[in-house]
Structures are given as structure tokens and as C-alpha cells.
């Protein structure tokens, strides 16, 4: 697992690309995905860095998506445009749901449920199977969990 924050965002892609090229069988989860606000341009468009696109599309790299956070309701931009761009660019098999549950002000079952249901309620372009993939299927594949 590799953590991505705004401060290391610009160097993370190229550095990680260097590693996975040397170790192509390595499985990597980018925690926090890539910092969503860094992809949102001033004109409202989304630009995902080329190194990150290459990493996620061509290697065993998946991105965690943190959805429905109390303290960051705008995390994916207006109308969740960055989340849609991640979905359109990488597909559900390269996205893995995460809750950031320990960092909410008042962790409750309701808040956890809100975070868990976020993509189901706010992303009508995702099919039920895509949502299931993001909310558990990708993690099961990355961690080798079989049912």
C-alpha cells in the first residue's frame, strides 16, 4: 500500500511507475487513490496525470476511493466529476472502496452506511455489478480472498 496526499501527488506517479516496471508482479493499492482535487482543473474539467493512468491501466495497481466523507463532501468536485473520470478511465476493477471511518468526527453506523452507499446513491452510471466490484470485489482480488 502506498498513501497519496496532495503533498506527494506530483512525485508519486513517476516514482511508483519506476518501481512497478522493475517488479511487474507487485500488487499496489494507492491509499486515498490520487488526490481528487489535484485532478480538477480551473475550468471544471478533470485531468488525471499520465503516469497515474499508465500505472493503473497497465500494472497491478488499484486506487482506493474514499466516498461520502463528512469533512470532505466536495472531495470529488461538483457532481463528483473526478470520481466519474476515475470510473471512466480505469473501470470498476481498478477502484477499491475505502471508508476513512476512523477519521470522521463522530463515527456512527449511519455515517459508515452513508459512506458505503455513496456510489450506489450518487453514481447512476454504475451498474449494480460495478458497484459490487468497487465495494468489495477489487479488494478480494487484490488480497487473494476467495469465497
Protein backbone atom coordinates (compact mmCIF):
# COMPACT_ATOMS: atom_id res chain seq x y z
CA UNK A 1 0.00 0.00 0.00
CA UNK A 2 1.12 3.47 -0.86
CA UNK A 3 -0.50 6.60 0.60
CA UNK A 4 -1.29 9.51 -1.67
CA UNK A 5 -1.71 13.02 -0.37
CA UNK A 6 -1.68 16.37 -2.11
CA UNK A 7 1.90 16.99 -0.96
CA UNK A 8 3.31 13.85 -2.63
CA UNK A 9 0.89 13.70 -5.54
CA UNK A 10 3.15 15.04 -8.28
CA UNK A 11 6.06 12.72 -7.50
CA UNK A 12 4.07 9.62 -6.57
CA UNK A 13 3.09 8.58 -10.10
CA UNK A 14 6.54 8.66 -11.69
CA UNK A 15 8.24 7.13 -8.63
CA UNK A 16 5.74 4.30 -8.35
CA UNK A 17 5.90 3.70 -12.10
CA UNK A 18 9.65 3.20 -11.74
CA UNK A 19 9.06 0.55 -9.04
CA UNK A 20 6.35 -1.44 -10.83
CA UNK A 21 8.37 -1.52 -14.04
CA UNK A 22 11.13 -3.25 -12.06
CA UNK A 23 8.68 -5.51 -10.19
CA UNK A 24 5.72 -6.06 -12.55
CA UNK A 25 4.10 -8.74 -10.33
CA UNK A 26 3.88 -6.38 -7.37
CA UNK A 27 0.31 -5.59 -6.29
CA UNK A 28 -0.17 -1.99 -5.20
CA UNK A 29 -3.11 -0.18 -3.62
CA UNK A 30 -2.83 3.59 -3.75
CA UNK A 31 -4.49 4.60 -0.49
CA UNK A 32 -6.66 7.68 -0.97
CA UNK A 33 -6.41 6.95 -4.69
CA UNK A 34 -4.85 10.00 -6.18
CA UNK A 35 -5.76 13.25 -4.52
CA UNK A 36 -9.02 14.09 -6.35
CA UNK A 37 -8.84 17.87 -6.07
CA UNK A 38 -5.44 17.77 -7.77
CA UNK A 39 -7.14 16.39 -10.88
CA UNK A 40 -9.84 19.06 -11.01
CA UNK A 41 -8.85 21.90 -13.34
CA UNK A 42 -9.90 25.54 -13.01
CA UNK A 43 -12.36 25.18 -15.91
CA UNK A 44 -14.10 22.23 -14.19
CA UNK A 45 -12.53 19.57 -16.39
CA UNK A 46 -10.60 16.62 -14.97
CA UNK A 47 -7.01 15.73 -15.82
CA UNK A 48 -5.52 12.57 -14.39
CA UNK A 49 -1.70 12.61 -14.62
CA UNK A 50 -0.31 10.43 -17.41
CA UNK A 51 1.94 8.44 -15.05
CA UNK A 52 -1.07 7.52 -12.89
CA UNK A 53 -3.11 6.49 -15.93
CA UNK A 54 -0.25 4.27 -17.11
CA UNK A 55 0.21 2.79 -13.62
CA UNK A 56 -3.40 1.87 -13.02
CA UNK A 57 -4.21 0.72 -16.56
CA UNK A 58 -1.08 -1.34 -17.20
CA UNK A 59 0.07 -2.73 -13.85
CA UNK A 60 -1.32 -4.45 -10.75
CA UNK A 61 -2.24 -1.08 -9.28
CA UNK A 62 -5.66 -0.13 -7.91
CA UNK A 63 -6.92 3.10 -6.40
CA UNK A 64 -8.85 3.38 -3.17
CA UNK A 65 -11.78 5.78 -3.41
CA UNK A 66 -12.97 7.45 -0.22
CA UNK A 67 -16.58 8.46 -0.68
CA UNK A 68 -19.12 10.32 1.41
CA UNK A 69 -16.72 11.85 3.91
CA UNK A 70 -18.32 14.27 6.36
CA UNK A 71 -15.40 16.66 6.32
CA UNK A 72 -14.82 16.49 2.55
CA UNK A 73 -18.21 16.44 0.84
CA UNK A 74 -16.67 18.19 -2.19
CA UNK A 75 -13.71 15.83 -2.44
CA UNK A 76 -14.53 14.69 -5.99
CA UNK A 77 -15.58 18.10 -7.28
CA UNK A 78 -19.00 19.36 -8.33
CA UNK A 79 -21.28 16.45 -9.14
CA UNK A 80 -18.43 14.04 -8.31
CA UNK A 81 -16.85 14.70 -11.73
CA UNK A 82 -13.47 13.38 -10.61
CA UNK A 83 -14.98 10.12 -9.33
CA UNK A 84 -16.72 9.67 -12.70
CA UNK A 85 -13.46 10.36 -14.52
CA UNK A 86 -11.71 7.69 -12.41
CA UNK A 87 -14.52 5.25 -13.22
CA UNK A 88 -14.49 6.08 -16.95
CA UNK A 89 -10.69 5.95 -17.15
CA UNK A 90 -9.97 2.87 -15.06
CA UNK A 91 -13.22 0.90 -14.68
CA UNK A 92 -14.54 -0.70 -11.50
CA UNK A 93 -11.89 -3.45 -11.32
CA UNK A 94 -9.24 -0.79 -10.66
CA UNK A 95 -11.19 1.08 -7.97
CA UNK A 96 -11.47 -0.08 -4.36
CA UNK A 97 -13.85 1.46 -1.82
CA UNK A 98 -12.47 2.81 1.44
CA UNK A 99 -14.25 4.45 4.35
CA UNK A 100 -11.74 6.57 6.28
CA UNK A 101 -14.06 5.55 9.13
CA UNK A 102 -11.59 6.33 11.89
CA UNK A 103 -11.26 9.96 10.78
CA UNK A 104 -14.88 11.08 10.93
CA UNK A 105 -15.89 13.39 13.77
CA UNK A 106 -18.47 11.06 15.22
CA UNK A 107 -18.08 7.52 13.85
CA UNK A 108 -21.54 6.00 13.70
CA UNK A 109 -23.22 3.19 11.87
CA UNK A 110 -25.20 5.83 9.95
CA UNK A 111 -22.04 7.60 8.79
CA UNK A 112 -20.44 4.32 7.78
CA UNK A 113 -23.61 3.34 5.89
CA UNK A 114 -23.62 6.75 4.15
CA UNK A 115 -20.03 6.22 3.01
CA UNK A 116 -20.75 2.63 1.93
CA UNK A 117 -23.86 3.57 -0.06
CA UNK A 118 -22.40 6.73 -1.62
CA UNK A 119 -21.61 5.29 -5.05
CA UNK A 120 -24.90 3.41 -5.19
CA UNK A 121 -26.88 6.56 -4.43
CA UNK A 122 -24.86 9.15 -6.36
CA UNK A 123 -23.41 7.35 -9.37
CA UNK A 124 -26.33 6.29 -11.62
CA UNK A 125 -23.90 5.47 -14.44
CA UNK A 126 -22.55 2.50 -12.43
CA UNK A 127 -24.26 -0.88 -12.73
CA UNK A 128 -25.02 -2.99 -9.66
CA UNK A 129 -22.16 -5.33 -10.57
CA UNK A 130 -19.75 -2.38 -10.95
CA UNK A 131 -20.76 -1.10 -7.51
CA UNK A 132 -20.25 -4.57 -6.01
CA UNK A 133 -16.82 -4.72 -7.64
CA UNK A 134 -15.79 -1.37 -6.16
CA UNK A 135 -17.28 -2.07 -2.72
CA UNK A 136 -15.61 -5.46 -2.27
CA UNK A 137 -14.66 -7.33 -5.42
CA UNK A 138 -11.49 -5.38 -6.12
CA UNK A 139 -10.25 -5.81 -2.54
CA UNK A 140 -10.96 -9.54 -2.67
CA UNK A 141 -8.96 -9.87 -5.87
CA UNK A 142 -6.01 -7.77 -4.66
CA UNK A 143 -5.79 -9.59 -1.33
CA UNK A 144 -6.44 -13.04 -2.81
CA UNK A 145 -9.67 -13.65 -0.88
CA UNK A 146 -11.83 -16.40 -2.29
CA UNK A 147 -15.44 -17.06 -1.41
